[in-house]
Amino acid sequence: MKASIVDLRYHMNEVLRALERNEDVCILSRGKLKGVIKPANGKPRMKVRDHPFFNMLQSSEVVEQQMEGLRGGRYRDL
């Protein structure tokens, strides 16, 4: 997130929400970078490839077939 000095003064809640989302806040003065505020919790950002859903559809099945398998037919055989 980028924030100016005025944003720090009048919109501090938005800056704090960005820090809670683990975002760095770049402080700008007259359009030039003056500093960076980093979240205190120190958790590293999760990379996309580390997310559990990344690349989960490696099968060659067509999406319609996968959805039909998940949903089942209208009348299931018992």
N, C-alpha and C. Protein backbone atom coordinates (compact mmCIF):
# COMPACT_ATOMS: atom_id res chain seq x y z
N MET A 1 0.85 -1.17 0.00
CA MET A 1 0.00 0.00 0.00
C MET A 1 0.89 1.23 0.00
N LYS A 2 0.45 2.25 -0.69
CA LYS A 2 1.15 3.53 -0.68
C LYS A 2 0.30 4.53 0.08
N ALA A 3 0.92 5.30 0.95
CA ALA A 3 0.19 6.29 1.74
C ALA A 3 1.02 7.56 1.83
N SER A 4 0.33 8.69 1.70
CA SER A 4 1.01 9.97 1.85
C SER A 4 0.95 10.41 3.32
N ILE A 5 1.59 11.49 3.62
CA ILE A 5 1.56 12.03 4.97
C ILE A 5 0.13 12.37 5.37
N VAL A 6 -0.64 12.91 4.44
CA VAL A 6 -2.04 13.25 4.71
C VAL A 6 -2.85 11.98 4.99
N ASP A 7 -2.57 10.89 4.26
CA ASP A 7 -3.25 9.62 4.51
C ASP A 7 -2.96 9.11 5.92
N LEU A 8 -1.73 9.27 6.36
CA LEU A 8 -1.39 8.86 7.72
C LEU A 8 -2.19 9.64 8.75
N ARG A 9 -2.41 10.89 8.46
CA ARG A 9 -3.12 11.75 9.41
C ARG A 9 -4.62 11.48 9.41
N TYR A 10 -5.23 11.37 8.23
CA TYR A 10 -6.68 11.30 8.16
C TYR A 10 -7.23 9.89 7.91
N HIS A 11 -6.40 8.98 7.46
CA HIS A 11 -6.88 7.63 7.12
C HIS A 11 -6.03 6.56 7.79
N MET A 12 -5.69 6.76 9.05
CA MET A 12 -4.84 5.81 9.75
C MET A 12 -5.48 4.44 9.88
N ASN A 13 -6.83 4.36 9.95
CA ASN A 13 -7.50 3.06 10.05
C ASN A 13 -7.20 2.21 8.83
N GLU A 14 -7.19 2.79 7.64
CA GLU A 14 -6.89 2.05 6.42
C GLU A 14 -5.44 1.55 6.43
N VAL A 15 -4.55 2.37 6.93
CA VAL A 15 -3.14 1.98 7.03
C VAL A 15 -3.00 0.81 8.00
N LEU A 16 -3.68 0.88 9.13
CA LEU A 16 -3.61 -0.21 10.11
C LEU A 16 -4.22 -1.49 9.56
N ARG A 17 -5.30 -1.38 8.79
CA ARG A 17 -5.91 -2.58 8.17
C ARG A 17 -4.94 -3.21 7.17
N ALA A 18 -4.21 -2.38 6.44
CA ALA A 18 -3.22 -2.92 5.50
C ALA A 18 -2.12 -3.65 6.25
N LEU A 19 -1.70 -3.13 7.39
CA LEU A 19 -0.69 -3.81 8.19
C LEU A 19 -1.23 -5.12 8.76
N GLU A 20 -2.51 -5.16 9.12
CA GLU A 20 -3.13 -6.41 9.60
C GLU A 20 -3.18 -7.45 8.50
N ARG A 21 -3.30 -7.00 7.23
CA ARG A 21 -3.29 -7.93 6.10
C ARG A 21 -1.87 -8.32 5.72
N ASN A 22 -0.91 -7.92 6.53
CA ASN A 22 0.51 -8.25 6.34
C ASN A 22 1.09 -7.57 5.10
N GLU A 23 0.62 -6.36 4.81
CA GLU A 23 1.14 -5.58 3.69
C GLU A 23 2.15 -4.56 4.20
N ASP A 24 3.14 -4.27 3.40
CA ASP A 24 4.05 -3.17 3.69
C ASP A 24 3.37 -1.87 3.27
N VAL A 25 3.61 -0.80 4.03
CA VAL A 25 3.03 0.51 3.72
C VAL A 25 4.18 1.44 3.35
N CYS A 26 4.18 1.91 2.10
CA CYS A 26 5.19 2.84 1.63
C CYS A 26 4.72 4.26 1.93
N ILE A 27 5.55 5.04 2.63
CA ILE A 27 5.21 6.41 3.00
C ILE A 27 5.80 7.35 1.94
N LEU A 28 4.92 8.16 1.36
CA LEU A 28 5.32 9.09 0.31
C LEU A 28 5.17 10.53 0.79
N SER A 29 6.13 11.35 0.43
CA SER A 29 6.04 12.78 0.69
C SER A 29 6.31 13.49 -0.62
N ARG A 30 5.29 14.20 -1.11
CA ARG A 30 5.36 14.88 -2.40
C ARG A 30 5.71 13.91 -3.53
N GLY A 31 5.17 12.69 -3.42
CA GLY A 31 5.36 11.70 -4.46
C GLY A 31 6.66 10.91 -4.39
N LYS A 32 7.51 11.20 -3.41
CA LYS A 32 8.79 10.49 -3.29
C LYS A 32 8.76 9.60 -2.06
N LEU A 33 9.32 8.42 -2.21
CA LEU A 33 9.36 7.45 -1.12
C LEU A 33 10.25 7.94 0.02
N LYS A 34 9.68 7.99 1.22
CA LYS A 34 10.44 8.44 2.40
C LYS A 34 10.72 7.30 3.37
N GLY A 35 9.88 6.27 3.33
CA GLY A 35 10.09 5.15 4.24
C GLY A 35 9.07 4.06 4.01
N VAL A 36 9.26 2.96 4.73
CA VAL A 36 8.37 1.81 4.63
C VAL A 36 8.02 1.35 6.03
N ILE A 37 6.73 1.13 6.28
CA ILE A 37 6.28 0.56 7.55
C ILE A 37 5.98 -0.90 7.28
N LYS A 38 6.58 -1.79 8.08
CA LYS A 38 6.39 -3.23 7.92
C LYS A 38 5.55 -3.75 9.08
N PRO A 39 4.76 -4.81 8.85
CA PRO A 39 3.95 -5.38 9.93
C PRO A 39 4.82 -5.92 11.05
N ALA A 40 4.35 -5.80 12.29
CA ALA A 40 5.12 -6.22 13.45
C ALA A 40 5.13 -7.73 13.64
N ASN A 41 4.10 -8.43 13.13
CA ASN A 41 4.03 -9.87 13.37
C ASN A 41 5.13 -10.63 12.65
N GLY A 42 5.69 -10.07 11.61
CA GLY A 42 6.85 -10.67 10.95
C GLY A 42 6.56 -11.93 10.17
N LYS A 43 5.30 -12.27 9.94
CA LYS A 43 4.99 -13.46 9.15
C LYS A 43 5.34 -13.19 7.70
N PRO A 44 6.06 -14.10 7.08
CA PRO A 44 6.34 -13.89 5.66
C PRO A 44 5.07 -14.11 4.84
N ARG A 45 4.98 -13.39 3.74
CA ARG A 45 3.83 -13.56 2.86
C ARG A 45 3.85 -14.94 2.24
N MET A 46 2.66 -15.53 2.10
CA MET A 46 2.58 -16.84 1.48
C MET A 46 2.73 -16.70 -0.03
N LYS A 47 3.60 -17.50 -0.59
CA LYS A 47 3.76 -17.49 -2.03
C LYS A 47 2.63 -18.31 -2.64
N VAL A 48 2.27 -17.98 -3.84
CA VAL A 48 1.15 -18.65 -4.51
C VAL A 48 1.42 -20.14 -4.62
N ARG A 49 2.64 -20.51 -4.95
CA ARG A 49 2.92 -21.95 -5.13
C ARG A 49 2.87 -22.72 -3.82
N ASP A 50 2.91 -22.05 -2.67
CA ASP A 50 2.81 -22.73 -1.38
C ASP A 50 1.37 -22.90 -0.92
N HIS A 51 0.43 -22.25 -1.60
CA HIS A 51 -0.98 -22.35 -1.22
C HIS A 51 -1.48 -23.76 -1.53
N PRO A 52 -2.32 -24.33 -0.63
CA PRO A 52 -2.77 -25.71 -0.85
C PRO A 52 -3.56 -25.93 -2.13
N PHE A 53 -4.21 -24.90 -2.67
CA PHE A 53 -5.01 -25.07 -3.87
C PHE A 53 -4.22 -24.85 -5.16
N PHE A 54 -2.97 -24.46 -5.05
CA PHE A 54 -2.17 -24.20 -6.24
C PHE A 54 -1.93 -25.51 -6.98
N ASN A 55 -2.22 -25.52 -8.26
CA ASN A 55 -1.96 -26.64 -9.15
C ASN A 55 -2.67 -27.92 -8.71
N MET A 56 -3.85 -27.78 -8.12
CA MET A 56 -4.55 -28.96 -7.62
C MET A 56 -5.24 -29.74 -8.73
N LEU A 57 -5.45 -29.11 -9.87
CA LEU A 57 -6.13 -29.78 -10.97
C LEU A 57 -5.12 -30.25 -12.00
N GLN A 58 -4.34 -31.23 -11.65
CA GLN A 58 -3.34 -31.75 -12.58
C GLN A 58 -3.89 -32.91 -13.39
N SER A 59 -5.11 -33.31 -13.13
CA SER A 59 -5.66 -34.45 -13.86
C SER A 59 -6.06 -34.02 -15.26
N SER A 60 -6.22 -35.00 -16.13
CA SER A 60 -6.61 -34.72 -17.52
C SER A 60 -8.12 -34.74 -17.69
N GLU A 61 -8.84 -34.88 -16.57
CA GLU A 61 -10.30 -34.92 -16.62
C GLU A 61 -10.86 -33.54 -17.00
N VAL A 62 -11.93 -33.55 -17.74
CA VAL A 62 -12.59 -32.31 -18.12
C VAL A 62 -13.36 -31.80 -16.90
N VAL A 63 -13.49 -30.49 -16.81
CA VAL A 63 -14.13 -29.86 -15.65
C VAL A 63 -15.55 -30.40 -15.45
N GLU A 64 -16.28 -30.56 -16.54
CA GLU A 64 -17.66 -31.06 -16.42
C GLU A 64 -17.69 -32.45 -15.80
N GLN A 65 -16.71 -33.30 -16.15
CA GLN A 65 -16.64 -34.64 -15.58
C GLN A 65 -16.32 -34.58 -14.09
N GLN A 66 -15.42 -33.70 -13.71
CA GLN A 66 -15.08 -33.56 -12.30
C GLN A 66 -16.28 -33.07 -11.50
N MET A 67 -17.00 -32.09 -12.04
CA MET A 67 -18.17 -31.56 -11.33
C MET A 67 -19.26 -32.61 -11.21
N GLU A 68 -19.46 -33.40 -12.25
CA GLU A 68 -20.46 -34.46 -12.21
C GLU A 68 -20.08 -35.49 -11.15
N GLY A 69 -18.79 -35.79 -11.04
CA GLY A 69 -18.32 -36.72 -10.01
C GLY A 69 -18.54 -36.18 -8.61
N LEU A 70 -18.37 -34.88 -8.43
CA LEU A 70 -18.58 -34.28 -7.12
C LEU A 70 -20.05 -34.18 -6.77
N ARG A 71 -20.85 -33.79 -7.73
CA ARG A 71 -22.28 -33.60 -7.48
C ARG A 71 -23.04 -34.91 -7.45
N GLY A 72 -22.66 -35.82 -8.31
CA GLY A 72 -23.41 -37.05 -8.46
C GLY A 72 -24.58 -36.81 -9.39
N GLY A 73 -25.22 -37.87 -9.78
CA GLY A 73 -26.35 -37.75 -10.68
C GLY A 73 -27.59 -37.30 -9.93
N ARG A 74 -28.64 -37.09 -10.66
CA ARG A 74 -29.89 -36.67 -10.03
C ARG A 74 -30.47 -37.79 -9.18
N TYR A 75 -30.39 -38.99 -9.71
CA TYR A 75 -30.85 -40.17 -8.97
C TYR A 75 -29.65 -41.08 -8.77
N ARG A 76 -29.20 -41.17 -7.56
CA ARG A 76 -28.00 -41.98 -7.30
C ARG A 76 -28.40 -43.43 -7.14
N ASP A 77 -27.58 -44.31 -7.68
CA ASP A 77 -27.83 -45.75 -7.53
C ASP A 77 -27.45 -46.16 -6.12
N LEU A 78 -28.33 -46.82 -5.45
CA LEU A 78 -28.07 -47.26 -4.07
C LEU A 78 -27.71 -48.70 -4.03
